[in-house]
N, C-alpha and C. Protein backbone atom coordinates (compact mmCIF):
# COMPACT_ATOMS: atom_id res chain seq x y z
N MET A 1 9.20 -2.45 -4.49
CA MET A 1 8.93 -3.84 -4.75
C MET A 1 8.49 -4.54 -3.46
N PHE A 2 9.21 -4.27 -2.36
CA PHE A 2 8.85 -4.91 -1.10
C PHE A 2 7.49 -4.41 -0.60
N VAL A 3 7.16 -3.17 -0.95
CA VAL A 3 5.85 -2.65 -0.55
C VAL A 3 4.75 -3.43 -1.25
N ARG A 4 4.93 -3.74 -2.53
CA ARG A 4 3.92 -4.51 -3.26
C ARG A 4 3.83 -5.94 -2.73
N LYS A 5 4.97 -6.51 -2.31
CA LYS A 5 4.97 -7.84 -1.73
C LYS A 5 4.23 -7.83 -0.39
N LEU A 6 4.45 -6.78 0.40
CA LEU A 6 3.72 -6.62 1.66
C LEU A 6 2.22 -6.48 1.41
N GLU A 7 1.86 -5.68 0.42
CA GLU A 7 0.45 -5.48 0.08
C GLU A 7 -0.20 -6.79 -0.34
N ASN A 8 0.51 -7.60 -1.11
CA ASN A 8 -0.03 -8.87 -1.57
C ASN A 8 -0.28 -9.81 -0.39
N ALA A 9 0.69 -9.91 0.51
CA ALA A 9 0.53 -10.78 1.68
C ALA A 9 -0.62 -10.29 2.56
N ALA A 10 -0.71 -8.98 2.75
CA ALA A 10 -1.79 -8.42 3.57
C ALA A 10 -3.16 -8.68 2.92
N ARG A 11 -3.24 -8.57 1.59
CA ARG A 11 -4.49 -8.82 0.88
C ARG A 11 -4.91 -10.29 1.04
N ASN A 12 -3.94 -11.19 0.92
CA ASN A 12 -4.26 -12.62 1.09
C ASN A 12 -4.74 -12.92 2.51
N ILE A 13 -4.06 -12.33 3.50
CA ILE A 13 -4.46 -12.56 4.89
C ILE A 13 -5.85 -11.99 5.15
N ALA A 14 -6.12 -10.80 4.62
CA ALA A 14 -7.43 -10.17 4.83
C ALA A 14 -8.56 -10.98 4.20
N ASN A 15 -8.27 -11.69 3.11
CA ASN A 15 -9.30 -12.47 2.42
C ASN A 15 -9.28 -13.95 2.77
N SER A 16 -8.56 -14.33 3.82
CA SER A 16 -8.45 -15.75 4.16
C SER A 16 -9.79 -16.37 4.56
N ASN A 17 -10.74 -15.57 5.01
CA ASN A 17 -12.06 -16.08 5.38
C ASN A 17 -13.12 -15.81 4.31
N THR A 18 -12.70 -15.36 3.14
CA THR A 18 -13.64 -15.11 2.05
C THR A 18 -13.79 -16.37 1.22
N ASP A 19 -15.01 -16.88 1.16
CA ASP A 19 -15.26 -18.12 0.42
C ASP A 19 -14.90 -17.95 -1.05
N GLY A 20 -14.18 -18.95 -1.59
CA GLY A 20 -13.83 -18.95 -3.00
C GLY A 20 -12.66 -18.07 -3.38
N TYR A 21 -12.07 -17.35 -2.44
CA TYR A 21 -10.93 -16.48 -2.74
C TYR A 21 -9.72 -17.32 -3.10
N LYS A 22 -9.03 -16.95 -4.16
CA LYS A 22 -7.81 -17.61 -4.60
C LYS A 22 -6.62 -16.72 -4.23
N SER A 23 -5.68 -17.27 -3.49
CA SER A 23 -4.53 -16.48 -3.06
C SER A 23 -3.64 -16.13 -4.26
N LYS A 24 -2.91 -15.06 -4.09
CA LYS A 24 -1.99 -14.60 -5.13
C LYS A 24 -0.57 -14.75 -4.60
N ASN A 25 0.30 -15.32 -5.41
CA ASN A 25 1.70 -15.53 -5.04
C ASN A 25 2.54 -14.44 -5.66
N ALA A 26 3.36 -13.79 -4.83
CA ALA A 26 4.26 -12.74 -5.31
C ALA A 26 5.69 -13.25 -5.20
N THR A 27 6.36 -13.35 -6.33
CA THR A 27 7.75 -13.80 -6.33
C THR A 27 8.61 -12.77 -7.04
N ILE A 28 9.82 -12.62 -6.55
CA ILE A 28 10.77 -11.68 -7.15
C ILE A 28 11.59 -12.44 -8.19
N VAL A 29 11.53 -11.97 -9.44
CA VAL A 29 12.25 -12.59 -10.55
C VAL A 29 13.08 -11.53 -11.26
N GLU A 30 14.02 -11.98 -12.06
CA GLU A 30 14.85 -11.06 -12.84
C GLU A 30 14.26 -10.88 -14.24
N ASP A 31 14.29 -9.64 -14.73
CA ASP A 31 13.84 -9.41 -16.10
C ASP A 31 15.01 -9.61 -17.05
N GLU A 32 14.83 -9.25 -18.32
CA GLU A 32 15.85 -9.47 -19.34
C GLU A 32 17.13 -8.70 -19.04
N ALA A 33 17.01 -7.57 -18.37
CA ALA A 33 18.18 -6.75 -18.07
C ALA A 33 18.85 -7.17 -16.76
N GLY A 34 18.30 -8.17 -16.09
CA GLY A 34 18.87 -8.62 -14.83
C GLY A 34 18.39 -7.86 -13.61
N LEU A 35 17.37 -7.02 -13.82
CA LEU A 35 16.81 -6.25 -12.71
C LEU A 35 15.68 -7.02 -12.05
N PRO A 36 15.51 -6.86 -10.74
CA PRO A 36 14.43 -7.60 -10.06
C PRO A 36 13.07 -6.98 -10.35
N THR A 37 12.11 -7.84 -10.62
CA THR A 37 10.72 -7.43 -10.78
C THR A 37 9.84 -8.35 -9.96
N LEU A 38 8.64 -7.92 -9.68
CA LEU A 38 7.71 -8.71 -8.90
C LEU A 38 6.69 -9.37 -9.83
N ASP A 39 6.60 -10.68 -9.76
CA ASP A 39 5.67 -11.45 -10.57
C ASP A 39 4.55 -11.95 -9.67
N ILE A 40 3.32 -11.53 -9.94
CA ILE A 40 2.17 -11.93 -9.13
C ILE A 40 1.31 -12.89 -9.95
N THR A 41 1.12 -14.10 -9.41
CA THR A 41 0.30 -15.12 -10.07
C THR A 41 -0.80 -15.58 -9.13
N VAL A 42 -1.90 -16.03 -9.71
CA VAL A 42 -3.02 -16.54 -8.92
C VAL A 42 -2.83 -18.03 -8.71
N ASP A 43 -2.97 -18.47 -7.46
CA ASP A 43 -2.87 -19.88 -7.12
C ASP A 43 -4.24 -20.51 -7.36
N SER A 44 -4.33 -21.41 -8.33
CA SER A 44 -5.62 -21.99 -8.70
C SER A 44 -5.97 -23.24 -7.89
N THR A 45 -5.18 -23.56 -6.88
CA THR A 45 -5.48 -24.70 -6.03
C THR A 45 -6.83 -24.49 -5.36
N PRO A 46 -7.71 -25.49 -5.40
CA PRO A 46 -9.02 -25.29 -4.78
C PRO A 46 -8.92 -25.23 -3.26
N GLY A 47 -9.83 -24.49 -2.66
CA GLY A 47 -9.91 -24.44 -1.21
C GLY A 47 -10.65 -25.67 -0.70
N VAL A 48 -10.81 -25.74 0.60
CA VAL A 48 -11.51 -26.87 1.21
C VAL A 48 -12.99 -26.80 0.87
N LEU A 49 -13.55 -27.93 0.41
CA LEU A 49 -14.97 -28.02 0.12
C LEU A 49 -15.69 -28.64 1.31
N PHE A 50 -16.82 -28.06 1.67
CA PHE A 50 -17.65 -28.69 2.68
C PHE A 50 -19.11 -28.41 2.39
N GLN A 51 -19.94 -29.25 2.97
CA GLN A 51 -21.36 -29.17 2.68
C GLN A 51 -22.10 -28.49 3.83
N GLU A 52 -22.91 -27.51 3.46
CA GLU A 52 -23.73 -26.80 4.45
C GLU A 52 -24.85 -27.71 4.93
N ALA A 53 -25.53 -27.29 5.97
CA ALA A 53 -26.64 -28.07 6.52
C ALA A 53 -27.78 -28.23 5.52
N ASP A 54 -27.93 -27.25 4.63
CA ASP A 54 -29.00 -27.32 3.63
C ASP A 54 -28.58 -28.07 2.36
N GLY A 55 -27.37 -28.66 2.36
CA GLY A 55 -26.91 -29.47 1.23
C GLY A 55 -26.08 -28.73 0.21
N VAL A 56 -25.90 -27.44 0.36
CA VAL A 56 -25.13 -26.64 -0.60
C VAL A 56 -23.64 -26.83 -0.33
N MET A 57 -22.89 -27.10 -1.40
CA MET A 57 -21.43 -27.24 -1.28
C MET A 57 -20.80 -25.86 -1.31
N ARG A 58 -19.80 -25.66 -0.46
CA ARG A 58 -19.14 -24.36 -0.37
C ARG A 58 -17.63 -24.57 -0.36
N GLU A 59 -16.93 -23.72 -1.12
CA GLU A 59 -15.46 -23.78 -1.18
C GLU A 59 -14.89 -22.60 -0.39
N THR A 60 -13.99 -22.89 0.54
CA THR A 60 -13.33 -21.83 1.29
C THR A 60 -12.14 -21.31 0.50
N SER A 61 -11.48 -20.32 1.02
CA SER A 61 -10.30 -19.78 0.33
C SER A 61 -9.14 -20.77 0.44
N ASN A 62 -8.17 -20.61 -0.45
CA ASN A 62 -7.01 -21.49 -0.43
C ASN A 62 -5.78 -20.81 0.19
N VAL A 63 -6.00 -19.82 1.02
CA VAL A 63 -4.91 -19.07 1.65
C VAL A 63 -4.31 -19.90 2.79
N GLU A 64 -2.99 -20.05 2.75
CA GLU A 64 -2.26 -20.71 3.84
C GLU A 64 -1.71 -19.61 4.74
N LEU A 65 -2.30 -19.43 5.89
CA LEU A 65 -1.91 -18.33 6.77
C LEU A 65 -0.45 -18.45 7.23
N SER A 66 0.03 -19.66 7.45
CA SER A 66 1.41 -19.82 7.91
C SER A 66 2.41 -19.32 6.86
N SER A 67 2.18 -19.63 5.60
CA SER A 67 3.10 -19.16 4.56
C SER A 67 2.92 -17.66 4.31
N GLU A 68 1.72 -17.15 4.44
CA GLU A 68 1.49 -15.71 4.24
C GLU A 68 2.17 -14.90 5.34
N MET A 69 2.12 -15.37 6.57
CA MET A 69 2.78 -14.65 7.66
C MET A 69 4.30 -14.68 7.47
N THR A 70 4.81 -15.81 6.99
CA THR A 70 6.24 -15.91 6.71
C THR A 70 6.63 -14.93 5.60
N ASP A 71 5.85 -14.89 4.52
CA ASP A 71 6.11 -13.94 3.42
C ASP A 71 6.04 -12.50 3.91
N LEU A 72 5.09 -12.24 4.80
CA LEU A 72 4.93 -10.90 5.35
C LEU A 72 6.17 -10.47 6.13
N LEU A 73 6.70 -11.37 6.95
CA LEU A 73 7.89 -11.06 7.74
C LEU A 73 9.13 -10.90 6.86
N ILE A 74 9.26 -11.74 5.83
CA ILE A 74 10.40 -11.63 4.91
C ILE A 74 10.36 -10.30 4.16
N ALA A 75 9.20 -9.93 3.68
CA ALA A 75 9.06 -8.66 2.95
C ALA A 75 9.33 -7.48 3.88
N LYS A 76 8.87 -7.58 5.11
CA LYS A 76 9.11 -6.50 6.08
C LYS A 76 10.60 -6.34 6.34
N ARG A 77 11.32 -7.44 6.50
CA ARG A 77 12.76 -7.37 6.76
C ARG A 77 13.50 -6.82 5.53
N GLY A 78 13.07 -7.18 4.34
CA GLY A 78 13.68 -6.63 3.13
C GLY A 78 13.46 -5.13 3.03
N TYR A 79 12.25 -4.69 3.38
CA TYR A 79 11.94 -3.27 3.36
C TYR A 79 12.81 -2.53 4.37
N GLU A 80 12.97 -3.11 5.58
CA GLU A 80 13.80 -2.49 6.61
C GLU A 80 15.26 -2.43 6.16
N ALA A 81 15.75 -3.47 5.48
CA ALA A 81 17.13 -3.48 4.99
C ALA A 81 17.33 -2.38 3.95
N ASN A 82 16.37 -2.20 3.04
CA ASN A 82 16.48 -1.13 2.05
C ASN A 82 16.49 0.24 2.72
N LEU A 83 15.65 0.40 3.73
CA LEU A 83 15.60 1.66 4.45
C LEU A 83 16.92 1.94 5.17
N LYS A 84 17.50 0.92 5.75
CA LYS A 84 18.78 1.07 6.44
C LYS A 84 19.89 1.46 5.46
N SER A 85 19.89 0.87 4.27
CA SER A 85 20.93 1.21 3.29
C SER A 85 20.78 2.65 2.82
N ILE A 86 19.57 3.13 2.68
CA ILE A 86 19.36 4.53 2.29
C ILE A 86 19.84 5.47 3.40
N LYS A 87 19.56 5.11 4.64
CA LYS A 87 20.01 5.93 5.77
C LYS A 87 21.54 5.95 5.83
N THR A 88 22.18 4.81 5.61
CA THR A 88 23.64 4.74 5.62
C THR A 88 24.23 5.59 4.50
N GLN A 89 23.62 5.54 3.32
CA GLN A 89 24.09 6.36 2.20
C GLN A 89 23.97 7.84 2.55
N ASP A 90 22.88 8.22 3.18
CA ASP A 90 22.67 9.62 3.57
C ASP A 90 23.75 10.06 4.57
N GLU A 91 24.05 9.20 5.53
CA GLU A 91 25.09 9.53 6.51
C GLU A 91 26.46 9.66 5.85
N MET A 92 26.75 8.78 4.89
CA MET A 92 28.03 8.84 4.19
C MET A 92 28.15 10.12 3.37
N LEU A 93 27.07 10.53 2.70
CA LEU A 93 27.10 11.77 1.94
C LEU A 93 27.27 12.98 2.85
N ASP A 94 26.63 12.96 4.02
CA ASP A 94 26.81 14.05 4.99
C ASP A 94 28.27 14.15 5.41
N SER A 95 28.89 12.99 5.67
CA SER A 95 30.30 12.98 6.06
C SER A 95 31.18 13.50 4.93
N LEU A 96 30.87 13.12 3.70
CA LEU A 96 31.65 13.59 2.56
C LEU A 96 31.53 15.10 2.40
N PHE A 97 30.32 15.63 2.55
CA PHE A 97 30.14 17.08 2.44
C PHE A 97 30.87 17.82 3.56
N ASP A 98 30.89 17.23 4.77
CA ASP A 98 31.60 17.87 5.89
C ASP A 98 33.10 17.92 5.61
N ILE A 99 33.65 16.88 4.98
CA ILE A 99 35.07 16.83 4.67
C ILE A 99 35.42 17.86 3.59
N THR A 100 34.59 17.98 2.57
CA THR A 100 34.90 18.86 1.44
C THR A 100 34.62 20.33 1.73
N VAL A 101 33.78 20.60 2.70
CA VAL A 101 33.42 22.01 2.96
C VAL A 101 34.27 22.60 4.04
């Protein structure tokens, strides 16, 4: 789940200079069984409009880099926490096997 959240933030950051790109918001929600799932929605907020020298109107992306970087760091820390818990479980099982053998 955290990997998909990282991918979403990275995709938004990579497309921050793409005209007309709409950012995608990834939020962790609970399903009917109470398990966490990732809900990805498109932010339909318009980007900044400006007029080119030839008179053509252009819309930039609506990506907020400050919030994307924050989401990226939060997802990274969550991923690291999950990795640490798996490592701790592995160490505990090794200790249990050493005791029983």
